Amino acid sequence: MSAARDLDAVFRDQIDEIVRAVCAAHSDPKRGPVVVELRYALDRDWSGEDAIHFTGILRDPEGRDFYEISETNPIREQVYELVREQGIERLPYLSFQLESERRALDAAPDDADNVDPS
């Protein structure tokens, strides 16, 4: 295995550890939103800087359609802190989706242009 592949594997291991830690820390509905999955993509941001785009999939809240920003801020803060602690030199970005939103997106056709307009 080349040095670049070794480095990439270590980097992904670091991010996978962040994912596990965040999901474990936010698994009790009595303490706030439950993170059922934390996805990530390695790419660049709008300015061309290396970035990690995280998407937190949250359990749907009971009796309402969304979480307040104040409820998701502890998750965001933990992700940012863990990225810093791991020494990852990519800008972290984090967005959230509810499980129901994710299911709807996953069930949607890949190419909306092929939908019959009639």
PDB file of N, CA and C in Angstrom:
ATOM      1  N   MET A   1       0.851  -1.178   0.000  1.00  0.00           N
ATOM      2  CA  MET A   1       0.000   0.000   0.000  1.00  0.00           C
ATOM      3  C   MET A   1       0.894   1.237   0.000  1.00  0.00           C
ATOM      4  N   SER A   2       0.558   2.243  -0.780  1.00  0.00           N
ATOM      5  CA  SER A   2       1.379   3.444  -0.873  1.00  0.00           C
ATOM      6  C   SER A   2       1.199   4.319   0.360  1.00  0.00           C
ATOM      7  N   ALA A   3       2.132   5.253   0.550  1.00  0.00           N
ATOM      8  CA  ALA A   3       2.064   6.171   1.690  1.00  0.00           C
ATOM      9  C   ALA A   3       0.808   7.030   1.621  1.00  0.00           C
ATOM     10  N   ALA A   4       0.416   7.445   0.402  1.00  0.00           N
ATOM     11  CA  ALA A   4      -0.793   8.262   0.253  1.00  0.00           C
ATOM     12  C   ALA A   4      -2.030   7.482   0.676  1.00  0.00           C
ATOM     13  N   ARG A   5      -2.091   6.206   0.312  1.00  0.00           N
ATOM     14  CA  ARG A   5      -3.241   5.388   0.707  1.00  0.00           C
ATOM     15  C   ARG A   5      -3.242   5.152   2.210  1.00  0.00           C
ATOM     16  N   ASP A   6      -2.049   4.950   2.795  1.00  0.00           N
ATOM     17  CA  ASP A   6      -1.955   4.788   4.250  1.00  0.00           C
ATOM     18  C   ASP A   6      -2.470   6.032   4.955  1.00  0.00           C
ATOM     19  N   LEU A   7      -2.048   7.207   4.459  1.00  0.00           N
ATOM     20  CA  LEU A   7      -2.476   8.466   5.055  1.00  0.00           C
ATOM     21  C   LEU A   7      -3.981   8.636   4.924  1.00  0.00           C
ATOM     22  N   ASP A   8      -4.528   8.299   3.748  1.00  0.00           N
ATOM     23  CA  ASP A   8      -5.964   8.395   3.527  1.00  0.00           C
ATOM     24  C   ASP A   8      -6.721   7.469   4.480  1.00  0.00           C
ATOM     25  N   ALA A   9      -6.216   6.268   4.698  1.00  0.00           N
ATOM     26  CA  ALA A   9      -6.866   5.321   5.609  1.00  0.00           C
ATOM     27  C   ALA A   9      -6.850   5.852   7.038  1.00  0.00           C
ATOM     28  N   VAL A  10      -5.736   6.431   7.461  1.00  0.00           N
ATOM     29  CA  VAL A  10      -5.644   7.011   8.809  1.00  0.00           C
ATOM     30  C   VAL A  10      -6.626   8.165   8.938  1.00  0.00           C
ATOM     31  N   PHE A  11      -6.687   9.008   7.911  1.00  0.00           N
ATOM     32  CA  PHE A  11      -7.590  10.154   7.914  1.00  0.00           C
ATOM     33  C   PHE A  11      -9.041   9.693   8.028  1.00  0.00           C
ATOM     34  N   ARG A  12      -9.409   8.714   7.242  1.00  0.00           N
ATOM     35  CA  ARG A  12     -10.786   8.198   7.305  1.00  0.00           C
ATOM     36  C   ARG A  12     -11.065   7.529   8.650  1.00  0.00           C
ATOM     37  N   ASP A  13     -10.078   6.870   9.220  1.00  0.00           N
ATOM     38  CA  ASP A  13     -10.245   6.292  10.560  1.00  0.00           C
ATOM     39  C   ASP A  13     -10.525   7.385  11.587  1.00  0.00           C
ATOM     40  N   GLN A  14      -9.839   8.514  11.466  1.00  0.00           N
ATOM     41  CA  GLN A  14     -10.072   9.632  12.380  1.00  0.00           C
ATOM     42  C   GLN A  14     -11.508  10.139  12.253  1.00  0.00           C
ATOM     43  N   ILE A  15     -11.968  10.298  11.031  1.00  0.00           N
ATOM     44  CA  ILE A  15     -13.330  10.792  10.817  1.00  0.00           C
ATOM     45  C   ILE A  15     -14.346   9.760  11.284  1.00  0.00           C
ATOM     46  N   ASP A  16     -14.090   8.496  11.026  1.00  0.00           N
ATOM     47  CA  ASP A  16     -15.002   7.448  11.500  1.00  0.00           C
ATOM     48  C   ASP A  16     -15.096   7.456  13.022  1.00  0.00           C
ATOM     49  N   GLU A  17     -14.003   7.746  13.698  1.00  0.00           N
ATOM     50  CA  GLU A  17     -14.020   7.843  15.162  1.00  0.00           C
ATOM     51  C   GLU A  17     -14.884   9.020  15.612  1.00  0.00           C
ATOM     52  N   ILE A  18     -14.815  10.128  14.899  1.00  0.00           N
ATOM     53  CA  ILE A  18     -15.673  11.280  15.194  1.00  0.00           C
ATOM     54  C   ILE A  18     -17.135  10.879  15.035  1.00  0.00           C
ATOM     55  N   VAL A  19     -17.449  10.190  13.952  1.00  0.00           N
ATOM     56  CA  VAL A  19     -18.823   9.746  13.693  1.00  0.00           C
ATOM     57  C   VAL A  19     -19.322   8.868  14.839  1.00  0.00           C
ATOM     58  N   ARG A  20     -18.511   7.902  15.250  1.00  0.00           N
ATOM     59  CA  ARG A  20     -18.915   7.007  16.352  1.00  0.00           C
ATOM     60  C   ARG A  20     -19.133   7.790  17.648  1.00  0.00           C
ATOM     61  N   ALA A  21     -18.236   8.711  17.952  1.00  0.00           N
ATOM     62  CA  ALA A  21     -18.331   9.482  19.195  1.00  0.00           C
ATOM     63  C   ALA A  21     -19.581  10.356  19.220  1.00  0.00           C
ATOM     64  N   VAL A  22     -19.874  11.007  18.113  1.00  0.00           N
ATOM     65  CA  VAL A  22     -21.045  11.891  18.049  1.00  0.00           C
ATOM     66  C   VAL A  22     -22.333  11.077  18.157  1.00  0.00           C
ATOM     67  N   CYS A  23     -22.425   9.975  17.432  1.00  0.00           N
ATOM     68  CA  CYS A  23     -23.631   9.139  17.499  1.00  0.00           C
ATOM     69  C   CYS A  23     -23.828   8.576  18.904  1.00  0.00           C
ATOM     70  N   ALA A  24     -22.743   8.173  19.559  1.00  0.00           N
ATOM     71  CA  ALA A  24     -22.844   7.635  20.923  1.00  0.00           C
ATOM     72  C   ALA A  24     -23.252   8.715  21.917  1.00  0.00           C
ATOM     73  N   ALA A  25     -22.712   9.912  21.766  1.00  0.00           N
ATOM     74  CA  ALA A  25     -23.004  10.996  22.711  1.00  0.00           C
ATOM     75  C   ALA A  25     -24.426  11.524  22.566  1.00  0.00           C
ATOM     76  N   HIS A  26     -25.014  11.324  21.402  1.00  0.00           N
ATOM     77  CA  HIS A  26     -26.358  11.858  21.140  1.00  0.00           C
ATOM     78  C   HIS A  26     -27.310  10.719  20.787  1.00  0.00           C
ATOM     79  N   SER A  27     -27.405   9.760  21.702  1.00  0.00           N
ATOM     80  CA  SER A  27     -28.251   8.586  21.466  1.00  0.00           C
ATOM     81  C   SER A  27     -29.416   8.487  22.442  1.00  0.00           C
ATOM     82  N   ASP A  28     -29.508   9.423  23.390  1.00  0.00           N
ATOM     83  CA  ASP A  28     -30.565   9.391  24.406  1.00  0.00           C
ATOM     84  C   ASP A  28     -31.577  10.500  24.124  1.00  0.00           C
ATOM     85  N   PRO A  29     -32.811  10.157  23.730  1.00  0.00           N
ATOM     86  CA  PRO A  29     -33.796  11.186  23.399  1.00  0.00           C
ATOM     87  C   PRO A  29     -34.161  12.094  24.572  1.00  0.00           C
ATOM     88  N   LYS A  30     -33.864  11.677  25.791  1.00  0.00           N
ATOM     89  CA  LYS A  30     -34.146  12.526  26.953  1.00  0.00           C
ATOM     90  C   LYS A  30     -33.157  13.686  27.051  1.00  0.00           C
ATOM     91  N   ARG A  31     -32.036  13.570  26.318  1.00  0.00           N
ATOM     92  CA  ARG A  31     -30.985  14.579  26.414  1.00  0.00           C
ATOM     93  C   ARG A  31     -30.888  15.462  25.173  1.00  0.00           C
ATOM     94  N   GLY A  32     -31.800  15.289  24.223  1.00  0.00           N
ATOM     95  CA  GLY A  32     -31.767  16.112  23.017  1.00  0.00           C
ATOM     96  C   GLY A  32     -31.960  15.274  21.774  1.00  0.00           C
ATOM     97  N   PRO A  33     -31.746  15.892  20.613  1.00  0.00           N
ATOM     98  CA  PRO A  33     -31.919  15.161  19.358  1.00  0.00           C
ATOM     99  C   PRO A  33     -31.027  13.921  19.298  1.00  0.00           C
ATOM    100  N   VAL A  34     -31.581  12.844  18.758  1.00  0.00           N
ATOM    101  CA  VAL A  34     -30.828  11.600  18.594  1.00  0.00           C
ATOM    102  C   VAL A  34     -30.205  11.594  17.199  1.00  0.00           C
ATOM    103  N   VAL A  35     -28.885  11.443  17.153  1.00  0.00           N
ATOM    104  CA  VAL A  35     -28.168  11.334  15.880  1.00  0.00           C
ATOM    105  C   VAL A  35     -28.166   9.855  15.499  1.00  0.00           C
ATOM    106  N   VAL A  36     -28.958   9.501  14.496  1.00  0.00           N
ATOM    107  CA  VAL A  36     -29.033   8.101  14.078  1.00  0.00           C
ATOM    108  C   VAL A  36     -27.940   7.756  13.073  1.00  0.00           C
ATOM    109  N   GLU A  37     -27.432   8.776  12.405  1.00  0.00           N
ATOM    110  CA  GLU A  37     -26.358   8.562  11.433  1.00  0.00           C
ATOM    111  C   GLU A  37     -25.650   9.896  11.209  1.00  0.00           C
ATOM    112  N   LEU A  38     -24.356   9.832  10.996  1.00  0.00           N
ATOM    113  CA  LEU A  38     -23.582  11.022  10.648  1.00  0.00           C
ATOM    114  C   LEU A  38     -22.779  10.679   9.398  1.00  0.00           C
ATOM    115  N   ARG A  39     -23.225  11.228   8.278  1.00  0.00           N
ATOM    116  CA  ARG A  39     -22.563  10.977   6.996  1.00  0.00           C
ATOM    117  C   ARG A  39     -21.540  12.078   6.747  1.00  0.00           C
ATOM    118  N   TYR A  40     -20.564  11.786   5.901  1.00  0.00           N
ATOM    119  CA  TYR A  40     -19.606  12.833   5.547  1.00  0.00           C
ATOM    120  C   TYR A  40     -19.115  12.668   4.116  1.00  0.00           C
ATOM    121  N   ALA A  41     -18.691  13.788   3.571  1.00  0.00           N
ATOM    122  CA  ALA A  41     -18.083  13.811   2.240  1.00  0.00           C
ATOM    123  C   ALA A  41     -16.849  14.697   2.304  1.00  0.00           C
ATOM    124  N   LEU A  42     -15.759  14.214   1.733  1.00  0.00           N
ATOM    125  CA  LEU A  42     -14.526  14.987   1.655  1.00  0.00           C
ATOM    126  C   LEU A  42     -14.518  15.708   0.318  1.00  0.00           C
ATOM    127  N   ASP A  43     -14.469  17.040   0.373  1.00  0.00           N
ATOM    128  CA  ASP A  43     -14.452  17.812  -0.859  1.00  0.00           C
ATOM    129  C   ASP A  43     -13.896  19.196  -0.576  1.00  0.00           C
ATOM    130  N   ARG A  44     -14.295  20.160  -1.346  1.00  0.00           N
ATOM    131  CA  ARG A  44     -13.851  21.546  -1.160  1.00  0.00           C
ATOM    132  C   ARG A  44     -15.072  22.419  -0.904  1.00  0.00           C
ATOM    133  N   ASP A  45     -14.834  23.528  -0.198  1.00  0.00           N
ATOM    134  CA  ASP A  45     -15.939  24.450   0.049  1.00  0.00           C
ATOM    135  C   ASP A  45     -16.011  25.478  -1.084  1.00  0.00           C
ATOM    136  N   TRP A  46     -16.860  26.469  -0.920  1.00  0.00           N
ATOM    137  CA  TRP A  46     -17.101  27.460  -1.967  1.00  0.00           C
ATOM    138  C   TRP A  46     -15.846  28.246  -2.344  1.00  0.00           C
ATOM    139  N   SER A  47     -14.883  28.341  -1.403  1.00  0.00           N
ATOM    140  CA  SER A  47     -13.669  29.122  -1.662  1.00  0.00           C
ATOM    141  C   SER A  47     -12.512  28.262  -2.175  1.00  0.00           C
ATOM    142  N   GLY A  48     -12.753  26.956  -2.323  1.00  0.00           N
ATOM    143  CA  GLY A  48     -11.713  26.060  -2.810  1.00  0.00           C
ATOM    144  C   GLY A  48     -10.883  25.405  -1.721  1.00  0.00           C
ATOM    145  N   GLU A  49     -11.199  25.683  -0.461  1.00  0.00           N
ATOM    146  CA  GLU A  49     -10.477  25.085   0.662  1.00  0.00           C
ATOM    147  C   GLU A  49     -10.939  23.643   0.879  1.00  0.00           C
ATOM    148  N   ASP A  50     -10.011  22.791   1.325  1.00  0.00           N
ATOM    149  CA  ASP A  50     -10.383  21.420   1.679  1.00  0.00           C
ATOM    150  C   ASP A  50     -11.422  21.447   2.792  1.00  0.00           C
ATOM    151  N   ALA A  51     -12.449  20.630   2.669  1.00  0.00           N
ATOM    152  CA  ALA A  51     -13.551  20.644   3.631  1.00  0.00           C
ATOM    153  C   ALA A  51     -14.046  19.230   3.901  1.00  0.00           C
ATOM    154  N   ILE A  52     -14.753  19.114   5.011  1.00  0.00           N
ATOM    155  CA  ILE A  52     -15.520  17.904   5.327  1.00  0.00           C
ATOM    156  C   ILE A  52     -16.954  18.367   5.509  1.00  0.00           C
ATOM    157  N   HIS A  53     -17.843  17.873   4.691  1.00  0.00           N
ATOM    158  CA  HIS A  53     -19.261  18.197   4.830  1.00  0.00           C
ATOM    159  C   HIS A  53     -19.949  17.031   5.529  1.00  0.00           C
ATOM    160  N   PHE A  54     -20.380  17.282   6.761  1.00  0.00           N
ATOM    161  CA  PHE A  54     -21.102  16.292   7.549  1.00  0.00           C
ATOM    162  C   PHE A  54     -22.599  16.528   7.380  1.00  0.00           C
ATOM    163  N   THR A  55     -23.366  15.458   7.352  1.00  0.00           N
ATOM    164  CA  THR A  55     -24.824  15.535   7.403  1.00  0.00           C
ATOM    165  C   THR A  55     -25.277  14.663   8.558  1.00  0.00           C
ATOM    166  N   GLY A  56     -25.880  15.302   9.553  1.00  0.00           N
ATOM    167  CA  GLY A  56     -26.413  14.577  10.699  1.00  0.00           C
ATOM    168  C   GLY A  56     -27.854  14.181  10.425  1.00  0.00           C
ATOM    169  N   ILE A  57     -28.129  12.884  10.470  1.00  0.00           N
ATOM    170  CA  ILE A  57     -29.498  12.393  10.305  1.00  0.00           C
ATOM    171  C   ILE A  57     -30.069  12.245  11.712  1.00  0.00           C
ATOM    172  N   LEU A  58     -31.130  13.013  11.994  1.00  0.00           N
ATOM    173  CA  LEU A  58     -31.710  13.053  13.330  1.00  0.00           C
ATOM    174  C   LEU A  58     -33.045  12.330  13.367  1.00  0.00           C
ATOM    175  N   ARG A  59     -33.294  11.656  14.477  1.00  0.00           N
ATOM    176  CA  ARG A  59     -34.605  11.042  14.685  1.00  0.00           C
ATOM    177  C   ARG A  59     -35.649  12.158  14.675  1.00  0.00           C
ATOM    178  N   ASP A  60     -36.770  11.910  14.043  1.00  0.00           N
ATOM    179  CA  ASP A  60     -37.827  12.919  13.987  1.00  0.00           C
ATOM    180  C   ASP A  60     -38.298  13.271  15.397  1.00  0.00           C
ATOM    181  N   PRO A  61     -38.468  14.575  15.675  1.00  0.00           N
ATOM    182  CA  PRO A  61     -38.959  14.963  17.001  1.00  0.00           C
ATOM    183  C   PRO A  61     -40.445  14.624  17.126  1.00  0.00           C
ATOM    184  N   GLU A  62     -40.858  14.320  18.326  1.00  0.00           N
ATOM    185  CA  GLU A  62     -42.269  13.989  18.547  1.00  0.00           C
ATOM    186  C   GLU A  62     -43.105  15.258  18.591  1.00  0.00           C
ATOM    187  N   GLY A  63     -44.198  15.255  17.826  1.00  0.00           N
ATOM    188  CA  GLY A  63     -45.165  16.332  17.878  1.00  0.00           C
ATOM    189  C   GLY A  63     -44.780  17.605  17.146  1.00  0.00           C
ATOM    190  N   ARG A  64     -43.700  17.593  16.393  1.00  0.00           N
ATOM    191  CA  ARG A  64     -43.316  18.777  15.614  1.00  0.00           C
ATOM    192  C   ARG A  64     -42.467  18.346  14.421  1.00  0.00           C
ATOM    193  N   ASP A  65     -42.188  19.309  13.551  1.00  0.00           N
ATOM    194  CA  ASP A  65     -41.524  18.993  12.285  1.00  0.00           C
ATOM    195  C   ASP A  65     -40.048  19.377  12.220  1.00  0.00           C
ATOM    196  N   PHE A  66     -39.489  19.915  13.293  1.00  0.00           N
ATOM    197  CA  PHE A  66     -38.110  20.405  13.228  1.00  0.00           C
ATOM    198  C   PHE A  66     -37.517  20.511  14.628  1.00  0.00           C
ATOM    199  N   TYR A  67     -36.205  20.702  14.666  1.00  0.00           N
ATOM    200  CA  TYR A  67     -35.494  21.014  15.905  1.00  0.00           C
ATOM    201  C   TYR A  67     -35.064  22.470  15.852  1.00  0.00           C
ATOM    202  N   GLU A  68     -35.068  23.114  16.988  1.00  0.00           N
ATOM    203  CA  GLU A  68     -34.548  24.471  17.091  1.00  0.00           C
ATOM    204  C   GLU A  68     -33.025  24.428  16.966  1.00  0.00           C
ATOM    205  N   ILE A  69     -32.441  25.518  16.491  1.00  0.00           N
ATOM    206  CA  ILE A  69     -30.981  25.599  16.373  1.00  0.00           C
ATOM    207  C   ILE A  69     -30.324  25.368  17.725  1.00  0.00           C
ATOM    208  N   SER A  70     -30.934  25.883  18.773  1.00  0.00           N
ATOM    209  CA  SER A  70     -30.357  25.705  20.116  1.00  0.00           C
ATOM    210  C   SER A  70     -30.293  24.228  20.513  1.00  0.00           C
ATOM    211  N   GLU A  71     -31.153  23.405  19.930  1.00  0.00           N
ATOM    212  CA  GLU A  71     -31.142  21.974  20.232  1.00  0.00           C
ATOM    213  C   GLU A  71     -30.043  21.234  19.465  1.00  0.00           C
ATOM    214  N   THR A  72     -29.702  21.725  18.287  1.00  0.00           N
ATOM    215  CA  THR A  72     -28.681  21.054  17.482  1.00  0.00           C
ATOM    216  C   THR A  72     -27.279  21.630  17.700  1.00  0.00           C
ATOM    217  N   ASN A  73     -27.187  22.788  18.331  1.00  0.00           N
ATOM    218  CA  ASN A  73     -25.869  23.395  18.561  1.00  0.00           C
ATOM    219  C   ASN A  73     -24.901  22.500  19.324  1.00  0.00           C
ATOM    220  N   PRO A  74     -25.331  21.755  20.366  1.00  0.00           N
ATOM    221  CA  PRO A  74     -24.367  20.873  21.045  1.00  0.00           C
ATOM    222  C   PRO A  74     -23.755  19.822  20.109  1.00  0.00           C
ATOM    223  N   ILE A  75     -24.521  19.350  19.150  1.00  0.00           N
ATOM    224  CA  ILE A  75     -24.004  18.379  18.182  1.00  0.00           C
ATOM    225  C   ILE A  75     -22.959  19.063  17.304  1.00  0.00           C
ATOM    226  N   ARG A  76     -23.313  20.226  16.804  1.00  0.00           N
ATOM    227  CA  ARG A  76     -22.408  20.994  15.941  1.00  0.00           C
ATOM    228  C   ARG A  76     -21.100  21.298  16.677  1.00  0.00           C
ATOM    229  N   GLU A  77     -21.211  21.758  17.907  1.00  0.00           N
ATOM    230  CA  GLU A  77     -20.022  22.093  18.693  1.00  0.00           C
ATOM    231  C   GLU A  77     -19.138  20.870  18.918  1.00  0.00           C
ATOM    232  N   GLN A  78     -19.753  19.716  19.181  1.00  0.00           N
ATOM    233  CA  GLN A  78     -18.965  18.504  19.394  1.00  0.00           C
ATOM    234  C   GLN A  78     -18.227  18.100  18.118  1.00  0.00           C
ATOM    235  N   VAL A  79     -18.895  18.154  16.988  1.00  0.00           N
ATOM    236  CA  VAL A  79     -18.238  17.802  15.724  1.00  0.00           C
ATOM    237  C   VAL A  79     -17.043  18.716  15.486  1.00  0.00           C
ATOM    238  N   TYR A  80     -17.234  20.023  15.629  1.00  0.00           N
ATOM    239  CA  TYR A  80     -16.143  20.973  15.392  1.00  0.00           C
ATOM    240  C   TYR A  80     -14.990  20.730  16.357  1.00  0.00           C
ATOM    241  N   GLU A  81     -15.304  20.486  17.616  1.00  0.00           N
ATOM    242  CA  GLU A  81     -14.263  20.241  18.620  1.00  0.00           C
ATOM    243  C   GLU A  81     -13.486  18.960  18.310  1.00  0.00           C
ATOM    244  N   LEU A  82     -14.175  17.901  17.940  1.00  0.00           N
ATOM    245  CA  LEU A  82     -13.494  16.642  17.633  1.00  0.00           C
ATOM    246  C   LEU A  82     -12.611  16.758  16.389  1.00  0.00           C
ATOM    247  N   VAL A  83     -13.050  17.517  15.404  1.00  0.00           N
ATOM    248  CA  VAL A  83     -12.216  17.742  14.217  1.00  0.00           C
ATOM    249  C   VAL A  83     -10.928  18.456  14.629  1.00  0.00           C
ATOM    250  N   ARG A  84     -11.056  19.480  15.490  1.00  0.00           N
ATOM    251  CA  ARG A  84      -9.861  20.195  15.978  1.00  0.00           C
ATOM    252  C   ARG A  84      -8.954  19.269  16.773  1.00  0.00           C
ATOM    253  N   GLU A  85      -9.555  18.491  17.696  1.00  0.00           N
ATOM    254  CA  GLU A  85      -8.762  17.587  18.538  1.00  0.00           C
ATOM    255  C   GLU A  85      -7.988  16.561  17.709  1.00  0.00           C
ATOM    256  N   GLN A  86      -8.583  16.107  16.613  1.00  0.00           N
ATOM    257  CA  GLN A  86      -7.928  15.118  15.752  1.00  0.00           C
ATOM    258  C   GLN A  86      -6.846  15.753  14.871  1.00  0.00           C
ATOM    259  N   GLY A  87      -6.775  17.081  14.889  1.00  0.00           N
ATOM    260  CA  GLY A  87      -5.775  17.767  14.070  1.00  0.00           C
ATOM    261  C   GLY A  87      -6.073  17.719  12.583  1.00  0.00           C
ATOM    262  N   ILE A  88      -7.337  17.563  12.245  1.00  0.00           N
ATOM    263  CA  ILE A  88      -7.740  17.496  10.842  1.00  0.00           C
ATOM    264  C   ILE A  88      -7.765  18.917  10.282  1.00  0.00           C
ATOM    265  N   GLU A  89      -7.003  19.124   9.227  1.00  0.00           N
ATOM    266  CA  GLU A  89      -6.863  20.461   8.661  1.00  0.00           C
ATOM    267  C   GLU A  89      -7.808  20.679   7.483  1.00  0.00           C
ATOM    268  N   ARG A  90      -9.045  20.342   7.691  1.00  0.00           N
ATOM    269  CA  ARG A  90     -10.106  20.612   6.721  1.00  0.00           C
ATOM    270  C   ARG A  90     -11.191  21.377   7.455  1.00  0.00           C
ATOM    271  N   LEU A  91     -11.857  22.271   6.750  1.00  0.00           N
ATOM    272  CA  LEU A  91     -12.939  23.025   7.362  1.00  0.00           C
ATOM    273  C   LEU A  91     -14.160  22.122   7.500  1.00  0.00           C
ATOM    274  N   PRO A  92     -14.707  22.006   8.714  1.00  0.00           N
ATOM    275  CA  PRO A  92     -15.900  21.175   8.885  1.00  0.00           C
ATOM    276  C   PRO A  92     -17.181  21.985   8.651  1.00  0.00           C
ATOM    277  N   TYR A  93     -18.101  21.393   7.948  1.00  0.00           N
ATOM    278  CA  TYR A  93     -19.427  21.957   7.738  1.00  0.00           C
ATOM    279  C   TYR A  93     -20.424  20.898   8.186  1.00  0.00           C
ATOM    280  N   LEU A  94     -21.533  21.342   8.776  1.00  0.00           N
ATOM    281  CA  LEU A  94     -22.512  20.386   9.287  1.00  0.00           C
ATOM    282  C   LEU A  94     -23.915  20.860   8.971  1.00  0.00           C
ATOM    283  N   SER A  95     -24.696  19.986   8.372  1.00  0.00           N
ATOM    284  CA  SER A  95     -26.116  20.242   8.151  1.00  0.00           C
ATOM    285  C   SER A  95     -26.890  19.074   8.749  1.00  0.00           C
ATOM    286  N   PHE A  96     -28.187  19.274   8.901  1.00  0.00           N
ATOM    287  CA  PHE A  96     -29.025  18.245   9.514  1.00  0.00           C
ATOM    288  C   PHE A  96     -30.205  17.913   8.616  1.00  0.00           C
ATOM    289  N   GLN A  97     -30.632  16.658   8.691  1.00  0.00           N
ATOM    290  CA  GLN A  97     -31.865  16.193   8.065  1.00  0.00           C
ATOM    291  C   GLN A  97     -32.576  15.306   9.072  1.00  0.00           C
ATOM    292  N   LEU A  98     -33.895  15.323   9.003  1.00  0.00           N
ATOM    293  CA  LEU A  98     -34.666  14.381   9.809  1.00  0.00           C
ATOM    294  C   LEU A  98     -34.701  13.038   9.084  1.00  0.00           C
ATOM    295  N   GLU A  99     -34.904  11.971   9.849  1.00  0.00           N
ATOM    296  CA  GLU A  99     -35.001  10.640   9.230  1.00  0.00           C
ATOM    297  C   GLU A  99     -36.067  10.616   8.142  1.00  0.00           C
ATOM    298  N   SER A 100     -37.210  11.260   8.400  1.00  0.00           N
ATOM    299  CA  SER A 100     -38.292  11.257   7.411  1.00  0.00           C
ATOM    300  C   SER A 100     -37.871  11.986   6.134  1.00  0.00           C
ATOM    301  N   GLU A 101     -37.114  13.057   6.266  1.00  0.00           N
ATOM    302  CA  GLU A 101     -36.611  13.767   5.087  1.00  0.00           C
ATOM    303  C   GLU A 101     -35.633  12.887   4.302  1.00  0.00           C
ATOM    304  N   ARG A 102     -34.760  12.215   5.017  1.00  0.00           N
ATOM    305  CA  ARG A 102     -33.769  11.351   4.372  1.00  0.00           C
ATOM    306  C   ARG A 102     -34.444  10.205   3.629  1.00  0.00           C
ATOM    307  N   ARG A 103     -35.470   9.609   4.265  1.00  0.00           N
ATOM    308  CA  ARG A 103     -36.208   8.521   3.606  1.00  0.00           C
ATOM    309  C   ARG A 103     -36.859   9.017   2.312  1.00  0.00           C
ATOM    310  N   ALA A 104     -37.460  10.213   2.364  1.00  0.00           N
ATOM    311  CA  ALA A 104     -38.105  10.771   1.175  1.00  0.00           C
ATOM    312  C   ALA A 104     -37.079  11.029   0.072  1.00  0.00           C
ATOM    313  N   LEU A 105     -35.918  11.547   0.435  1.00  0.00           N
ATOM    314  CA  LEU A 105     -34.864  11.786  -0.559  1.00  0.00           C
ATOM    315  C   LEU A 105     -34.344  10.480  -1.141  1.00  0.00           C
ATOM    316  N   ASP A 106     -34.176   9.488  -0.294  1.00  0.00           N
ATOM    317  CA  ASP A 106     -33.687   8.188  -0.765  1.00  0.00           C
ATOM    318  C   ASP A 106     -34.690   7.508  -1.693  1.00  0.00           C
ATOM    319  N   ALA A 107     -35.984   7.760  -1.474  1.00  0.00           N
ATOM    320  CA  ALA A 107     -37.028   7.130  -2.281  1.00  0.00           C
ATOM    321  C   ALA A 107     -37.300   7.883  -3.581  1.00  0.00           C
ATOM    322  N   ALA A 108     -36.830   9.122  -3.677  1.00  0.00           N
ATOM    323  CA  ALA A 108     -37.083   9.936  -4.867  1.00  0.00           C
ATOM    324  C   ALA A 108     -36.308   9.383  -6.057  1.00  0.00           C
ATOM    325  N   PRO A 109     -36.881   9.537  -7.257  1.00  0.00           N
ATOM    326  CA  PRO A 109     -36.146   9.090  -8.448  1.00  0.00           C
ATOM    327  C   PRO A 109     -34.850   9.889  -8.591  1.00  0.00           C
ATOM    328  N   ASP A 110     -33.824   9.237  -9.120  1.00  0.00           N
ATOM    329  CA  ASP A 110     -32.526   9.894  -9.279  1.00  0.00           C
ATOM    330  C   ASP A 110     -32.561  11.032 -10.284  1.00  0.00           C
ATOM    331  N   ASP A 111     -33.398  10.914 -11.299  1.00  0.00           N
ATOM    332  CA  ASP A 111     -33.425  11.910 -12.354  1.00  0.00           C
ATOM    333  C   ASP A 111     -34.841  12.453 -12.506  1.00  0.00           C
ATOM    334  N   ALA A 112     -35.100  13.595 -11.890  1.00  0.00           N
ATOM    335  CA  ALA A 112     -36.433  14.189 -11.945  1.00  0.00           C
ATOM    336  C   ALA A 112     -36.780  14.651 -13.361  1.00  0.00           C
ATOM    337  N   ASP A 113     -35.771  14.830 -14.228  1.00  0.00           N
ATOM    338  CA  ASP A 113     -36.031  15.260 -15.601  1.00  0.00           C
ATOM    339  C   ASP A 113     -36.769  14.198 -16.409  1.00  0.00           C
ATOM    340  N   ASN A 114     -36.723  12.959 -15.990  1.00  0.00           N
ATOM    341  CA  ASN A 114     -37.377  11.879 -16.725  1.00  0.00           C
ATOM    342  C   ASN A 114     -38.816  11.639 -16.279  1.00  0.00           C
ATOM    343  N   VAL A 115     -39.352  12.519 -15.465  1.00  0.00           N
ATOM    344  CA  VAL A 115     -40.723  12.367 -14.982  1.00  0.00           C
ATOM    345  C   VAL A 115     -41.686  12.795 -16.083  1.00  0.00           C
ATOM    346  N   ASP A 116     -42.705  11.994 -16.326  1.00  0.00           N
ATOM    347  CA  ASP A 116     -43.721  12.297 -17.331  1.00  0.00           C
ATOM    348  C   ASP A 116     -44.575  13.452 -16.822  1.00  0.00           C
ATOM    349  N   PRO A 117     -44.624  14.593 -17.541  1.00  0.00           N
ATOM    350  CA  PRO A 117     -45.366  15.762 -17.065  1.00  0.00           C
ATOM    351  C   PRO A 117     -46.877  15.619 -17.149  1.00  0.00           C
ATOM    352  N   SER A 118     -47.413  14.586 -17.791  1.00  0.00           N
ATOM    353  CA  SER A 118     -48.867  14.457 -17.952  1.00  0.00           C
ATOM    354  C   SER A 118     -49.554  14.005 -16.697  1.00  0.00           C
TER     355      SER A 118
END
